[in-house]
Amino acid sequence: MSSLRRIEIADATEPLARYAQSMEEGPLVVTRDGQPIAVVLSVDNADLETVSLSNHPGFLEVIERSRERQKREGGLSSAEVRALFASEP
């Protein structure tokens, strides 16, 4: 796995395209006074919808509610899901 790279925002003077082209070197965390404020990372094998949803507050809320419900109530096994789909017309 690639190492985590860091750069202070004041030192990030190259065009964004230059940083984006170096993603094979690993994610780039942009910091201000040593604190992370942004990250530039590769989205290989992801489409625009996936990237958009991964940061959408409403979608993340739905995911969190689903996780909490699964913890409380349990879920279906993959065999149960396959049986449900097999029984539908």
C-alpha atoms as a PDB file:
ATOM      1  CA  MET A   1       0.000   0.000   0.000  1.00  0.00           C
ATOM      2  CA  SER A   2       1.168   3.534  -0.738  1.00  0.00           C
ATOM      3  CA  SER A   3       2.321   5.867   1.983  1.00  0.00           C
ATOM      4  CA  LEU A   4       0.291   8.855   3.088  1.00  0.00           C
ATOM      5  CA  ARG A   5       1.773  12.051   1.725  1.00  0.00           C
ATOM      6  CA  ARG A   6       1.243  15.470   3.322  1.00  0.00           C
ATOM      7  CA  ILE A   7       1.671  19.038   2.173  1.00  0.00           C
ATOM      8  CA  GLU A   8       1.017  22.341   3.916  1.00  0.00           C
ATOM      9  CA  ILE A   9      -1.467  24.438   1.952  1.00  0.00           C
ATOM     10  CA  ALA A  10       1.016  27.320   1.860  1.00  0.00           C
ATOM     11  CA  ASP A  11       3.518  24.985   0.162  1.00  0.00           C
ATOM     12  CA  ALA A  12       1.016  23.581  -2.366  1.00  0.00           C
ATOM     13  CA  THR A  13       1.974  25.900  -5.199  1.00  0.00           C
ATOM     14  CA  GLU A  14       1.783  23.456  -8.116  1.00  0.00           C
ATOM     15  CA  PRO A  15      -1.369  23.291 -10.283  1.00  0.00           C
ATOM     16  CA  LEU A  16      -3.984  20.836  -9.008  1.00  0.00           C
ATOM     17  CA  ALA A  17      -3.446  18.728 -12.118  1.00  0.00           C
ATOM     18  CA  ARG A  18       0.148  18.031 -11.050  1.00  0.00           C
ATOM     19  CA  TYR A  19      -0.990  16.652  -7.681  1.00  0.00           C
ATOM     20  CA  ALA A  20      -3.789  14.637  -9.291  1.00  0.00           C
ATOM     21  CA  GLN A  21      -1.337  13.043 -11.722  1.00  0.00           C
ATOM     22  CA  SER A  22       0.752  11.708  -8.829  1.00  0.00           C
ATOM     23  CA  MET A  23      -1.937   9.528  -7.265  1.00  0.00           C
ATOM     24  CA  GLU A  24       0.077   6.336  -7.835  1.00  0.00           C
ATOM     25  CA  GLU A  25       2.292   7.690  -5.031  1.00  0.00           C
ATOM     26  CA  GLY A  26      -0.673   7.544  -2.634  1.00  0.00           C
ATOM     27  CA  PRO A  27      -3.193   9.988  -1.157  1.00  0.00           C
ATOM     28  CA  LEU A  28      -2.103  13.566  -0.550  1.00  0.00           C
ATOM     29  CA  VAL A  29      -3.347  15.195   2.658  1.00  0.00           C
ATOM     30  CA  VAL A  30      -3.406  18.973   2.561  1.00  0.00           C
ATOM     31  CA  THR A  31      -2.818  20.550   5.961  1.00  0.00           C
ATOM     32  CA  ARG A  32      -3.042  23.981   7.540  1.00  0.00           C
ATOM     33  CA  ASP A  33      -0.774  24.426  10.550  1.00  0.00           C
ATOM     34  CA  GLY A  34      -0.311  20.654  10.583  1.00  0.00           C
ATOM     35  CA  GLN A  35      -4.052  19.905  10.708  1.00  0.00           C
ATOM     36  CA  PRO A  36      -5.720  18.064   7.798  1.00  0.00           C
ATOM     37  CA  ILE A  37      -8.127  20.207   5.785  1.00  0.00           C
ATOM     38  CA  ALA A  38      -8.442  18.273   2.514  1.00  0.00           C
ATOM     39  CA  VAL A  39      -7.284  15.164   0.731  1.00  0.00           C
ATOM     40  CA  VAL A  40      -6.518  14.391  -2.903  1.00  0.00           C
ATOM     41  CA  LEU A  41      -6.914  10.694  -3.573  1.00  0.00           C
ATOM     42  CA  SER A  42      -7.425   8.286  -6.404  1.00  0.00           C
ATOM     43  CA  VAL A  43     -10.939   7.128  -7.189  1.00  0.00           C
ATOM     44  CA  ASP A  44      -9.963   4.154  -9.315  1.00  0.00           C
ATOM     45  CA  ASN A  45     -12.875   1.830 -10.000  1.00  0.00           C
ATOM     46  CA  ALA A  46     -15.424   4.453  -8.953  1.00  0.00           C
ATOM     47  CA  ASP A  47     -17.857   6.395 -11.072  1.00  0.00           C
ATOM     48  CA  LEU A  48     -19.047   9.964 -10.526  1.00  0.00           C
ATOM     49  CA  GLU A  49     -22.235   8.820  -8.772  1.00  0.00           C
ATOM     50  CA  THR A  50     -20.254   6.741  -6.261  1.00  0.00           C
ATOM     51  CA  VAL A  51     -17.927   9.628  -5.504  1.00  0.00           C
ATOM     52  CA  SER A  52     -20.851  12.022  -5.118  1.00  0.00           C
ATOM     53  CA  LEU A  53     -22.820   9.731  -2.817  1.00  0.00           C
ATOM     54  CA  SER A  54     -19.819   8.928  -0.640  1.00  0.00           C
ATOM     55  CA  ASN A  55     -19.901  12.502   0.665  1.00  0.00           C
ATOM     56  CA  HIS A  56     -23.635  13.251   0.502  1.00  0.00           C
ATOM     57  CA  PRO A  57     -24.972  13.900   4.045  1.00  0.00           C
ATOM     58  CA  GLY A  58     -28.436  12.507   3.247  1.00  0.00           C
ATOM     59  CA  PHE A  59     -27.036   9.296   1.788  1.00  0.00           C
ATOM     60  CA  LEU A  60     -24.617   8.864   4.689  1.00  0.00           C
ATOM     61  CA  GLU A  61     -27.540   9.301   7.102  1.00  0.00           C
ATOM     62  CA  VAL A  62     -29.481   6.529   5.333  1.00  0.00           C
ATOM     63  CA  ILE A  63     -26.444   4.237   5.562  1.00  0.00           C
ATOM     64  CA  GLU A  64     -25.985   4.965   9.268  1.00  0.00           C
ATOM     65  CA  ARG A  65     -29.689   4.331   9.999  1.00  0.00           C
ATOM     66  CA  SER A  66     -29.449   1.046   8.110  1.00  0.00           C
ATOM     67  CA  ARG A  67     -26.400  -0.012  10.106  1.00  0.00           C
ATOM     68  CA  GLU A  68     -28.105   0.820  13.388  1.00  0.00           C
ATOM     69  CA  ARG A  69     -31.228  -1.094  12.357  1.00  0.00           C
ATOM     70  CA  GLN A  70     -29.130  -4.092  11.348  1.00  0.00           C
ATOM     71  CA  LYS A  71     -27.424  -4.052  14.771  1.00  0.00           C
ATOM     72  CA  ARG A  72     -30.804  -3.909  16.546  1.00  0.00           C
ATOM     73  CA  GLU A  73     -32.856  -6.244  14.393  1.00  0.00           C
ATOM     74  CA  GLY A  74     -30.345  -8.338  12.500  1.00  0.00           C
ATOM     75  CA  GLY A  75     -30.465  -8.924   8.806  1.00  0.00           C
ATOM     76  CA  LEU A  76     -30.932 -11.501   6.124  1.00  0.00           C
ATOM     77  CA  SER A  77     -28.297 -13.984   5.083  1.00  0.00           C
ATOM     78  CA  SER A  78     -27.281 -14.089   1.439  1.00  0.00           C
ATOM     79  CA  ALA A  79     -29.142 -17.417   1.124  1.00  0.00           C
ATOM     80  CA  GLU A  80     -32.329 -15.783   2.440  1.00  0.00           C
ATOM     81  CA  VAL A  81     -31.987 -12.913  -0.031  1.00  0.00           C
ATOM     82  CA  ARG A  82     -31.442 -15.307  -2.929  1.00  0.00           C
ATOM     83  CA  ALA A  83     -34.530 -17.292  -1.861  1.00  0.00           C
ATOM     84  CA  LEU A  84     -36.604 -14.091  -1.738  1.00  0.00           C
ATOM     85  CA  PHE A  85     -35.536 -13.092  -5.245  1.00  0.00           C
ATOM     86  CA  ALA A  86     -36.058 -16.601  -6.577  1.00  0.00           C
ATOM     87  CA  SER A  87     -39.639 -16.634  -5.324  1.00  0.00           C
ATOM     88  CA  GLU A  88     -40.609 -13.362  -7.025  1.00  0.00           C
ATOM     89  CA  PRO A  89     -42.488 -13.562 -10.351  1.00  0.00           C
END
